[in-house]
């Protein structure tokens, strides 16, 4: 695992929010829930975005991030207490190879 993988897994384990710069756009605040690889081996992160920039205009809601496109990542002191509604702890069809999850 590289440094970004370790930061993501630690944040998931501690249920800690992350501040990310995705694709070089403005910052986003996310609650990471599931991290792993898709069928092609690309690293993916399923997270609930609570604020910040969104290409789609939806600054809050479930997002699937390509980890290779996260330019900067920063763990925050803010925690979340439980998984967000509609989180499926039994699997994510976009992340069949889970590395860490809530």
PDB file of N, CA and C in Angstrom:
ATOM      1  N   UNK A   1       0.846  -1.193   0.000  1.00  0.00           N
ATOM      2  CA  UNK A   1       0.000   0.000   0.000  1.00  0.00           C
ATOM      3  C   UNK A   1       0.882   1.244   0.000  1.00  0.00           C
ATOM      4  N   UNK A   2       0.472   2.219  -0.781  1.00  0.00           N
ATOM      5  CA  UNK A   2       1.229   3.470  -0.763  1.00  0.00           C
ATOM      6  C   UNK A   2       0.617   4.436   0.252  1.00  0.00           C
ATOM      7  N   UNK A   3       1.183   5.622   0.358  1.00  0.00           N
ATOM      8  CA  UNK A   3       0.786   6.567   1.405  1.00  0.00           C
ATOM      9  C   UNK A   3      -0.688   6.952   1.328  1.00  0.00           C
ATOM     10  N   UNK A   4      -1.187   7.221   0.138  1.00  0.00           N
ATOM     11  CA  UNK A   4      -2.591   7.629   0.013  1.00  0.00           C
ATOM     12  C   UNK A   4      -3.520   6.488   0.431  1.00  0.00           C
ATOM     13  N   UNK A   5      -3.157   5.243   0.095  1.00  0.00           N
ATOM     14  CA  UNK A   5      -3.957   4.087   0.505  1.00  0.00           C
ATOM     15  C   UNK A   5      -4.022   4.000   2.027  1.00  0.00           C
ATOM     16  N   UNK A   6      -2.886   4.202   2.673  1.00  0.00           N
ATOM     17  CA  UNK A   6      -2.829   4.141   4.135  1.00  0.00           C
ATOM     18  C   UNK A   6      -3.665   5.241   4.774  1.00  0.00           C
ATOM     19  N   UNK A   7      -3.612   6.446   4.207  1.00  0.00           N
ATOM     20  CA  UNK A   7      -4.410   7.563   4.728  1.00  0.00           C
ATOM     21  C   UNK A   7      -5.894   7.237   4.611  1.00  0.00           C
ATOM     22  N   UNK A   8      -6.301   6.703   3.457  1.00  0.00           N
ATOM     23  CA  UNK A   8      -7.712   6.366   3.236  1.00  0.00           C
ATOM     24  C   UNK A   8      -8.159   5.285   4.212  1.00  0.00           C
ATOM     25  N   UNK A   9      -7.391   4.205   4.333  1.00  0.00           N
ATOM     26  CA  UNK A   9      -7.786   3.104   5.222  1.00  0.00           C
ATOM     27  C   UNK A   9      -7.828   3.532   6.685  1.00  0.00           C
ATOM     28  N   UNK A  10      -6.889   4.360   7.090  1.00  0.00           N
ATOM     29  CA  UNK A  10      -6.899   4.855   8.473  1.00  0.00           C
ATOM     30  C   UNK A  10      -8.138   5.717   8.712  1.00  0.00           C
ATOM     31  N   UNK A  11      -8.479   6.558   7.752  1.00  0.00           N
ATOM     32  CA  UNK A  11      -9.669   7.408   7.888  1.00  0.00           C
ATOM     33  C   UNK A  11     -10.939   6.560   7.946  1.00  0.00           C
ATOM     34  N   UNK A  12     -11.005   5.504   7.139  1.00  0.00           N
ATOM     35  CA  UNK A  12     -12.172   4.614   7.174  1.00  0.00           C
ATOM     36  C   UNK A  12     -12.258   3.935   8.540  1.00  0.00           C
ATOM     37  N   UNK A  13     -11.151   3.402   9.013  1.00  0.00           N
ATOM     38  CA  UNK A  13     -11.124   2.706  10.305  1.00  0.00           C
ATOM     39  C   UNK A  13     -11.545   3.636  11.445  1.00  0.00           C
ATOM     40  N   UNK A  14     -11.066   4.886  11.402  1.00  0.00           N
ATOM     41  CA  UNK A  14     -11.358   5.847  12.473  1.00  0.00           C
ATOM     42  C   UNK A  14     -12.628   6.657  12.210  1.00  0.00           C
ATOM     43  N   UNK A  15     -13.285   6.402  11.061  1.00  0.00           N
ATOM     44  CA  UNK A  15     -14.475   7.160  10.651  1.00  0.00           C
ATOM     45  C   UNK A  15     -14.181   8.661  10.725  1.00  0.00           C
ATOM     46  N   UNK A  16     -13.114   9.026  10.037  1.00  0.00           N
ATOM     47  CA  UNK A  16     -12.634  10.407  10.023  1.00  0.00           C
ATOM     48  C   UNK A  16     -12.849  11.006   8.635  1.00  0.00           C
ATOM     49  N   UNK A  17     -13.309  12.240   8.588  1.00  0.00           N
ATOM     50  CA  UNK A  17     -13.494  12.932   7.314  1.00  0.00           C
ATOM     51  C   UNK A  17     -12.157  13.243   6.659  1.00  0.00           C
ATOM     52  N   UNK A  18     -12.182  13.313   5.337  1.00  0.00           N
ATOM     53  CA  UNK A  18     -11.006  13.663   4.550  1.00  0.00           C
ATOM     54  C   UNK A  18     -11.294  14.902   3.719  1.00  0.00           C
ATOM     55  N   UNK A  19     -10.268  15.689   3.519  1.00  0.00           N
ATOM     56  CA  UNK A  19     -10.327  16.834   2.609  1.00  0.00           C
ATOM     57  C   UNK A  19      -9.491  16.429   1.401  1.00  0.00           C
ATOM     58  N   UNK A  20     -10.118  16.424   0.212  1.00  0.00           N
ATOM     59  CA  UNK A  20      -9.384  15.998  -0.977  1.00  0.00           C
ATOM     60  C   UNK A  20      -9.445  17.048  -2.080  1.00  0.00           C
ATOM     61  N   UNK A  21      -8.393  17.050  -2.871  1.00  0.00           N
ATOM     62  CA  UNK A  21      -8.376  17.822  -4.112  1.00  0.00           C
ATOM     63  C   UNK A  21      -8.449  16.774  -5.210  1.00  0.00           C
ATOM     64  N   UNK A  22      -9.550  16.782  -5.946  1.00  0.00           N
ATOM     65  CA  UNK A  22      -9.817  15.764  -6.958  1.00  0.00           C
ATOM     66  C   UNK A  22      -9.710  16.372  -8.347  1.00  0.00           C
ATOM     67  N   UNK A  23      -8.890  15.789  -9.176  1.00  0.00           N
ATOM     68  CA  UNK A  23      -8.681  16.239 -10.560  1.00  0.00           C
ATOM     69  C   UNK A  23      -8.174  17.674 -10.647  1.00  0.00           C
ATOM     70  N   UNK A  24      -7.559  18.174  -9.576  1.00  0.00           N
ATOM     71  CA  UNK A  24      -7.046  19.537  -9.592  1.00  0.00           C
ATOM     72  C   UNK A  24      -8.115  20.598  -9.407  1.00  0.00           C
ATOM     73  N   UNK A  25      -9.335  20.166  -9.075  1.00  0.00           N
ATOM     74  CA  UNK A  25     -10.432  21.114  -8.852  1.00  0.00           C
ATOM     75  C   UNK A  25     -10.384  21.603  -7.406  1.00  0.00           C
ATOM     76  N   UNK A  26     -11.382  22.373  -6.997  1.00  0.00           N
ATOM     77  CA  UNK A  26     -11.433  22.857  -5.617  1.00  0.00           C
ATOM     78  C   UNK A  26     -11.599  21.695  -4.640  1.00  0.00           C
ATOM     79  N   UNK A  27     -11.400  22.004  -3.364  1.00  0.00           N
ATOM     80  CA  UNK A  27     -11.453  21.008  -2.297  1.00  0.00           C
ATOM     81  C   UNK A  27     -12.855  20.447  -2.101  1.00  0.00           C
ATOM     82  N   UNK A  28     -12.879  19.212  -1.619  1.00  0.00           N
ATOM     83  CA  UNK A  28     -14.115  18.524  -1.247  1.00  0.00           C
ATOM     84  C   UNK A  28     -13.899  17.913   0.137  1.00  0.00           C
ATOM     85  N   UNK A  29     -14.951  17.871   0.930  1.00  0.00           N
ATOM     86  CA  UNK A  29     -14.918  17.187   2.226  1.00  0.00           C
ATOM     87  C   UNK A  29     -15.746  15.920   2.067  1.00  0.00           C
ATOM     88  N   UNK A  30     -15.124  14.783   2.391  1.00  0.00           N
ATOM     89  CA  UNK A  30     -15.798  13.499   2.198  1.00  0.00           C
ATOM     90  C   UNK A  30     -15.720  12.626   3.447  1.00  0.00           C
ATOM     91  N   UNK A  31     -16.664  11.690   3.533  1.00  0.00           N
ATOM     92  CA  UNK A  31     -16.656  10.644   4.554  1.00  0.00           C
ATOM     93  C   UNK A  31     -16.397   9.329   3.819  1.00  0.00           C
ATOM     94  N   UNK A  32     -15.181   8.793   3.918  1.00  0.00           N
ATOM     95  CA  UNK A  32     -14.846   7.568   3.181  1.00  0.00           C
ATOM     96  C   UNK A  32     -15.521   6.336   3.791  1.00  0.00           C
ATOM     97  N   UNK A  33     -16.063   5.481   2.938  1.00  0.00           N
ATOM     98  CA  UNK A  33     -16.760   4.288   3.413  1.00  0.00           C
ATOM     99  C   UNK A  33     -16.147   2.980   2.906  1.00  0.00           C
ATOM    100  N   UNK A  34     -15.709   2.949   1.645  1.00  0.00           N
ATOM    101  CA  UNK A  34     -15.193   1.714   1.059  1.00  0.00           C
ATOM    102  C   UNK A  34     -14.086   2.037   0.058  1.00  0.00           C
ATOM    103  N   UNK A  35     -12.974   1.313   0.164  1.00  0.00           N
ATOM    104  CA  UNK A  35     -11.820   1.532  -0.705  1.00  0.00           C
ATOM    105  C   UNK A  35     -11.337   0.195  -1.242  1.00  0.00           C
ATOM    106  N   UNK A  36     -11.050   0.151  -2.537  1.00  0.00           N
ATOM    107  CA  UNK A  36     -10.555  -1.079  -3.143  1.00  0.00           C
ATOM    108  C   UNK A  36     -10.319  -0.895  -4.624  1.00  0.00           C
ATOM    109  N   UNK A  37     -10.407  -1.996  -5.362  1.00  0.00           N
ATOM    110  CA  UNK A  37     -10.124  -1.965  -6.801  1.00  0.00           C
ATOM    111  C   UNK A  37     -11.314  -2.473  -7.605  1.00  0.00           C
ATOM    112  N   UNK A  38     -11.470  -1.890  -8.788  1.00  0.00           N
ATOM    113  CA  UNK A  38     -12.497  -2.379  -9.701  1.00  0.00           C
ATOM    114  C   UNK A  38     -11.961  -3.613 -10.433  1.00  0.00           C
ATOM    115  N   UNK A  39     -12.735  -4.138 -11.358  1.00  0.00           N
ATOM    116  CA  UNK A  39     -12.344  -5.367 -12.061  1.00  0.00           C
ATOM    117  C   UNK A  39     -11.088  -5.194 -12.914  1.00  0.00           C
ATOM    118  N   UNK A  40     -10.773  -3.955 -13.276  1.00  0.00           N
ATOM    119  CA  UNK A  40      -9.583  -3.685 -14.086  1.00  0.00           C
ATOM    120  C   UNK A  40      -8.354  -3.379 -13.228  1.00  0.00           C
ATOM    121  N   UNK A  41      -8.534  -3.370 -11.896  1.00  0.00           N
ATOM    122  CA  UNK A  41      -7.422  -3.098 -10.992  1.00  0.00           C
ATOM    123  C   UNK A  41      -7.238  -1.634 -10.643  1.00  0.00           C
ATOM    124  N   UNK A  42      -8.177  -0.781 -11.072  1.00  0.00           N
ATOM    125  CA  UNK A  42      -8.108   0.650 -10.746  1.00  0.00           C
ATOM    126  C   UNK A  42      -8.607   0.883  -9.328  1.00  0.00           C
ATOM    127  N   UNK A  43      -7.877   1.682  -8.566  1.00  0.00           N
ATOM    128  CA  UNK A  43      -8.274   1.967  -7.185  1.00  0.00           C
ATOM    129  C   UNK A  43      -9.459   2.923  -7.163  1.00  0.00           C
ATOM    130  N   UNK A  44     -10.473   2.565  -6.358  1.00  0.00           N
ATOM    131  CA  UNK A  44     -11.703   3.348  -6.249  1.00  0.00           C
ATOM    132  C   UNK A  44     -12.012   3.614  -4.780  1.00  0.00           C
ATOM    133  N   UNK A  45     -12.648   4.740  -4.534  1.00  0.00           N
ATOM    134  CA  UNK A  45     -13.070   5.115  -3.188  1.00  0.00           C
ATOM    135  C   UNK A  45     -14.535   5.511  -3.230  1.00  0.00           C
ATOM    136  N   UNK A  46     -15.356   4.795  -2.463  1.00  0.00           N
ATOM    137  CA  UNK A  46     -16.772   5.153  -2.310  1.00  0.00           C
ATOM    138  C   UNK A  46     -16.850   6.024  -1.065  1.00  0.00           C
ATOM    139  N   UNK A  47     -17.384   7.221  -1.231  1.00  0.00           N
ATOM    140  CA  UNK A  47     -17.452   8.162  -0.113  1.00  0.00           C
ATOM    141  C   UNK A  47     -18.712   9.001  -0.220  1.00  0.00           C
ATOM    142  N   UNK A  48     -19.101   9.536   0.909  1.00  0.00           N
ATOM    143  CA  UNK A  48     -20.216  10.474   0.947  1.00  0.00           C
ATOM    144  C   UNK A  48     -19.611  11.870   1.028  1.00  0.00           C
ATOM    145  N   UNK A  49     -19.869  12.679   0.006  1.00  0.00           N
ATOM    146  CA  UNK A  49     -19.345  14.047   0.007  1.00  0.00           C
ATOM    147  C   UNK A  49     -20.290  14.932   0.801  1.00  0.00           C
ATOM    148  N   UNK A  50     -19.736  15.662   1.777  1.00  0.00           N
ATOM    149  CA  UNK A  50     -20.564  16.527   2.622  1.00  0.00           C
ATOM    150  C   UNK A  50     -20.511  17.990   2.201  1.00  0.00           C
ATOM    151  N   UNK A  51     -19.446  18.385   1.499  1.00  0.00           N
ATOM    152  CA  UNK A  51     -19.367  19.771   1.022  1.00  0.00           C
ATOM    153  C   UNK A  51     -18.234  19.913   0.019  1.00  0.00           C
ATOM    154  N   UNK A  52     -18.216  21.067  -0.634  1.00  0.00           N
ATOM    155  CA  UNK A  52     -17.137  21.375  -1.560  1.00  0.00           C
ATOM    156  C   UNK A  52     -17.553  21.304  -3.009  1.00  0.00           C
ATOM    157  N   UNK A  53     -16.556  21.316  -3.868  1.00  0.00           N
ATOM    158  CA  UNK A  53     -16.765  21.350  -5.311  1.00  0.00           C
ATOM    159  C   UNK A  53     -17.377  20.044  -5.825  1.00  0.00           C
ATOM    160  N   UNK A  54     -18.182  20.164  -6.856  1.00  0.00           N
ATOM    161  CA  UNK A  54     -18.708  18.990  -7.538  1.00  0.00           C
ATOM    162  C   UNK A  54     -18.891  19.317  -9.008  1.00  0.00           C
ATOM    163  N   UNK A  55     -18.309  18.497  -9.853  1.00  0.00           N
ATOM    164  CA  UNK A  55     -18.442  18.670 -11.295  1.00  0.00           C
ATOM    165  C   UNK A  55     -19.909  18.618 -11.715  1.00  0.00           C
ATOM    166  N   UNK A  56     -20.684  17.759 -11.054  1.00  0.00           N
ATOM    167  CA  UNK A  56     -22.097  17.585 -11.396  1.00  0.00           C
ATOM    168  C   UNK A  56     -22.990  18.666 -10.798  1.00  0.00           C
ATOM    169  N   UNK A  57     -22.440  19.443  -9.858  1.00  0.00           N
ATOM    170  CA  UNK A  57     -23.250  20.451  -9.178  1.00  0.00           C
ATOM    171  C   UNK A  57     -23.881  19.940  -7.896  1.00  0.00           C
ATOM    172  N   UNK A  58     -23.780  18.636  -7.639  1.00  0.00           N
ATOM    173  CA  UNK A  58     -24.307  18.049  -6.406  1.00  0.00           C
ATOM    174  C   UNK A  58     -23.177  17.966  -5.391  1.00  0.00           C
ATOM    175  N   UNK A  59     -23.076  18.977  -4.542  1.00  0.00           N
ATOM    176  CA  UNK A  59     -21.952  19.022  -3.600  1.00  0.00           C
ATOM    177  C   UNK A  59     -22.138  18.093  -2.411  1.00  0.00           C
ATOM    178  N   UNK A  60     -23.319  17.485  -2.281  1.00  0.00           N
ATOM    179  CA  UNK A  60     -23.547  16.532  -1.196  1.00  0.00           C
ATOM    180  C   UNK A  60     -24.154  15.265  -1.769  1.00  0.00           C
ATOM    181  N   UNK A  61     -23.626  14.132  -1.322  1.00  0.00           N
ATOM    182  CA  UNK A  61     -24.163  12.849  -1.765  1.00  0.00           C
ATOM    183  C   UNK A  61     -23.074  11.820  -2.008  1.00  0.00           C
ATOM    184  N   UNK A  62     -23.509  10.630  -2.404  1.00  0.00           N
ATOM    185  CA  UNK A  62     -22.593   9.527  -2.667  1.00  0.00           C
ATOM    186  C   UNK A  62     -21.797   9.777  -3.932  1.00  0.00           C
ATOM    187  N   UNK A  63     -20.491   9.487  -3.860  1.00  0.00           N
ATOM    188  CA  UNK A  63     -19.591   9.656  -5.005  1.00  0.00           C
ATOM    189  C   UNK A  63     -18.658   8.448  -5.078  1.00  0.00           C
ATOM    190  N   UNK A  64     -18.227   8.157  -6.297  1.00  0.00           N
ATOM    191  CA  UNK A  64     -17.216   7.134  -6.524  1.00  0.00           C
ATOM    192  C   UNK A  64     -16.009   7.842  -7.124  1.00  0.00           C
ATOM    193  N   UNK A  65     -14.902   7.834  -6.401  1.00  0.00           N
ATOM    194  CA  UNK A  65     -13.702   8.547  -6.826  1.00  0.00           C
ATOM    195  C   UNK A  65     -12.655   7.581  -7.375  1.00  0.00           C
ATOM    196  N   UNK A  66     -11.992   7.990  -8.449  1.00  0.00           N
ATOM    197  CA  UNK A  66     -10.810   7.287  -8.946  1.00  0.00           C
ATOM    198  C   UNK A  66      -9.640   7.784  -8.102  1.00  0.00           C
ATOM    199  N   UNK A  67      -9.056   6.915  -7.319  1.00  0.00           N
ATOM    200  CA  UNK A  67      -8.009   7.322  -6.381  1.00  0.00           C
ATOM    201  C   UNK A  67      -6.817   7.948  -7.108  1.00  0.00           C
ATOM    202  N   UNK A  68      -6.515   7.476  -8.296  1.00  0.00           N
ATOM    203  CA  UNK A  68      -5.393   8.040  -9.059  1.00  0.00           C
ATOM    204  C   UNK A  68      -5.608   9.508  -9.420  1.00  0.00           C
ATOM    205  N   UNK A  69      -6.851   9.985  -9.322  1.00  0.00           N
ATOM    206  CA  UNK A  69      -7.144  11.378  -9.660  1.00  0.00           C
ATOM    207  C   UNK A  69      -7.239  12.284  -8.431  1.00  0.00           C
ATOM    208  N   UNK A  70      -6.970  11.718  -7.249  1.00  0.00           N
ATOM    209  CA  UNK A  70      -6.901  12.530  -6.034  1.00  0.00           C
ATOM    210  C   UNK A  70      -5.511  13.156  -5.996  1.00  0.00           C
ATOM    211  N   UNK A  71      -5.455  14.472  -6.107  1.00  0.00           N
ATOM    212  CA  UNK A  71      -4.169  15.187  -6.176  1.00  0.00           C
ATOM    213  C   UNK A  71      -3.571  15.439  -4.791  1.00  0.00           C
ATOM    214  N   UNK A  72      -4.439  15.763  -3.827  1.00  0.00           N
ATOM    215  CA  UNK A  72      -4.001  16.007  -2.444  1.00  0.00           C
ATOM    216  C   UNK A  72      -5.047  15.408  -1.523  1.00  0.00           C
ATOM    217  N   UNK A  73      -4.581  14.957  -0.365  1.00  0.00           N
ATOM    218  CA  UNK A  73      -5.495  14.370   0.613  1.00  0.00           C
ATOM    219  C   UNK A  73      -5.034  14.768   2.007  1.00  0.00           C
ATOM    220  N   UNK A  74      -5.995  15.114   2.845  1.00  0.00           N
ATOM    221  CA  UNK A  74      -5.667  15.583   4.190  1.00  0.00           C
ATOM    222  C   UNK A  74      -6.706  15.056   5.176  1.00  0.00           C
ATOM    223  N   UNK A  75      -6.293  14.260   6.171  1.00  0.00           N
ATOM    224  CA  UNK A  75      -7.232  13.812   7.196  1.00  0.00           C
ATOM    225  C   UNK A  75      -7.654  15.004   8.060  1.00  0.00           C
ATOM    226  N   UNK A  76      -8.921  15.055   8.397  1.00  0.00           N
ATOM    227  CA  UNK A  76      -9.434  16.129   9.250  1.00  0.00           C
ATOM    228  C   UNK A  76      -9.663  15.600  10.661  1.00  0.00           C
ATOM    229  N   UNK A  77      -9.786  16.511  11.613  1.00  0.00           N
ATOM    230  CA  UNK A  77     -10.092  16.115  12.991  1.00  0.00           C
ATOM    231  C   UNK A  77     -11.568  15.788  13.169  1.00  0.00           C
ATOM    232  N   UNK A  78     -12.363  16.044  12.143  1.00  0.00           N
ATOM    233  CA  UNK A  78     -13.805  15.781  12.206  1.00  0.00           C
ATOM    234  C   UNK A  78     -14.074  14.301  11.958  1.00  0.00           C
ATOM    235  N   UNK A  79     -14.940  13.745  12.785  1.00  0.00           N
ATOM    236  CA  UNK A  79     -15.328  12.345  12.624  1.00  0.00           C
ATOM    237  C   UNK A  79     -16.811  12.252  12.291  1.00  0.00           C
ATOM    238  N   UNK A  80     -17.196  11.095  11.769  1.00  0.00           N
ATOM    239  CA  UNK A  80     -18.619  10.812  11.578  1.00  0.00           C
ATOM    240  C   UNK A  80     -18.945   9.575  12.401  1.00  0.00           C
ATOM    241  N   UNK A  81     -20.164   9.497  12.907  1.00  0.00           N
ATOM    242  CA  UNK A  81     -20.511   8.486  13.905  1.00  0.00           C
ATOM    243  C   UNK A  81     -20.999   7.160  13.351  1.00  0.00           C
ATOM    244  N   UNK A  82     -21.536   7.188  12.141  1.00  0.00           N
ATOM    245  CA  UNK A  82     -22.091   5.966  11.572  1.00  0.00           C
ATOM    246  C   UNK A  82     -22.091   6.081  10.052  1.00  0.00           C
ATOM    247  N   UNK A  83     -22.229   4.947   9.375  1.00  0.00           N
ATOM    248  CA  UNK A  83     -22.311   5.014   7.917  1.00  0.00           C
ATOM    249  C   UNK A  83     -23.529   5.831   7.476  1.00  0.00           C
ATOM    250  N   UNK A  84     -23.403   6.457   6.343  1.00  0.00           N
ATOM    251  CA  UNK A  84     -24.506   7.237   5.779  1.00  0.00           C
ATOM    252  C   UNK A  84     -25.609   6.298   5.282  1.00  0.00           C
ATOM    253  N   UNK A  85     -26.853   6.812   5.238  1.00  0.00           N
ATOM    254  CA  UNK A  85     -27.952   6.003   4.690  1.00  0.00           C
ATOM    255  C   UNK A  85     -27.620   5.523   3.274  1.00  0.00           C
ATOM    256  N   UNK A  86     -28.092   4.357   2.969  1.00  0.00           N
ATOM    257  CA  UNK A  86     -27.919   3.693   1.670  1.00  0.00           C
ATOM    258  C   UNK A  86     -26.516   3.114   1.471  1.00  0.00           C
ATOM    259  N   UNK A  87     -25.691   3.113   2.529  1.00  0.00           N
ATOM    260  CA  UNK A  87     -24.395   2.433   2.422  1.00  0.00           C
ATOM    261  C   UNK A  87     -24.633   0.940   2.575  1.00  0.00           C
ATOM    262  N   UNK A  88     -24.071   0.155   1.677  1.00  0.00           N
ATOM    263  CA  UNK A  88     -24.213  -1.292   1.730  1.00  0.00           C
ATOM    264  C   UNK A  88     -22.897  -1.911   2.203  1.00  0.00           C
ATOM    265  N   UNK A  89     -22.825  -2.346   3.454  1.00  0.00           N
ATOM    266  CA  UNK A  89     -21.579  -2.916   3.973  1.00  0.00           C
ATOM    267  C   UNK A  89     -21.251  -4.290   3.377  1.00  0.00           C
ATOM    268  N   UNK A  90     -22.196  -4.863   2.632  1.00  0.00           N
ATOM    269  CA  UNK A  90     -21.995  -6.204   2.075  1.00  0.00           C
ATOM    270  C   UNK A  90     -21.429  -6.195   0.665  1.00  0.00           C
ATOM    271  N   UNK A  91     -21.200  -4.998   0.134  1.00  0.00           N
ATOM    272  CA  UNK A  91     -20.572  -4.960  -1.179  1.00  0.00           C
ATOM    273  C   UNK A  91     -20.942  -3.746  -1.999  1.00  0.00           C
ATOM    274  N   UNK A  92     -20.049  -3.424  -2.905  1.00  0.00           N
ATOM    275  CA  UNK A  92     -20.231  -2.316  -3.835  1.00  0.00           C
ATOM    276  C   UNK A  92     -19.883  -2.880  -5.207  1.00  0.00           C
ATOM    277  N   UNK A  93     -20.823  -2.872  -6.120  1.00  0.00           N
ATOM    278  CA  UNK A  93     -20.582  -3.503  -7.423  1.00  0.00           C
ATOM    279  C   UNK A  93     -19.424  -2.854  -8.181  1.00  0.00           C
ATOM    280  N   UNK A  94     -19.084  -1.613  -7.829  1.00  0.00           N
ATOM    281  CA  UNK A  94     -17.984  -0.921  -8.488  1.00  0.00           C
ATOM    282  C   UNK A  94     -16.632  -1.207  -7.827  1.00  0.00           C
ATOM    283  N   UNK A  95     -16.670  -1.837  -6.641  1.00  0.00           N
ATOM    284  CA  UNK A  95     -15.433  -2.156  -5.907  1.00  0.00           C
ATOM    285  C   UNK A  95     -15.494  -3.626  -5.469  1.00  0.00           C
ATOM    286  N   UNK A  96     -15.327  -4.551  -6.417  1.00  0.00           N
ATOM    287  CA  UNK A  96     -15.419  -5.966  -6.045  1.00  0.00           C
ATOM    288  C   UNK A  96     -14.240  -6.462  -5.205  1.00  0.00           C
ATOM    289  N   UNK A  97     -13.109  -5.778  -5.284  1.00  0.00           N
ATOM    290  CA  UNK A  97     -11.916  -6.173  -4.524  1.00  0.00           C
ATOM    291  C   UNK A  97     -11.644  -5.138  -3.435  1.00  0.00           C
ATOM    292  N   UNK A  98     -12.234  -5.360  -2.283  1.00  0.00           N
ATOM    293  CA  UNK A  98     -12.176  -4.398  -1.179  1.00  0.00           C
ATOM    294  C   UNK A  98     -10.852  -4.508  -0.430  1.00  0.00           C
ATOM    295  N   UNK A  99     -10.255  -3.351  -0.165  1.00  0.00           N
ATOM    296  CA  UNK A  99      -9.034  -3.274   0.645  1.00  0.00           C
ATOM    297  C   UNK A  99      -9.410  -2.943   2.084  1.00  0.00           C
ATOM    298  N   UNK A 100     -10.308  -1.968   2.262  1.00  0.00           N
ATOM    299  CA  UNK A 100     -10.813  -1.637   3.592  1.00  0.00           C
ATOM    300  C   UNK A 100     -12.181  -0.981   3.449  1.00  0.00           C
ATOM    301  N   UNK A 101     -13.007  -1.150   4.470  1.00  0.00           N
ATOM    302  CA  UNK A 101     -14.359  -0.589   4.460  1.00  0.00           C
ATOM    303  C   UNK A 101     -14.860  -0.450   5.879  1.00  0.00           C
ATOM    304  N   UNK A 102     -15.930   0.330   6.008  1.00  0.00           N
ATOM    305  CA  UNK A 102     -16.578   0.469   7.316  1.00  0.00           C
ATOM    306  C   UNK A 102     -17.231  -0.861   7.638  1.00  0.00           C
TER     307      UNK A 102
END
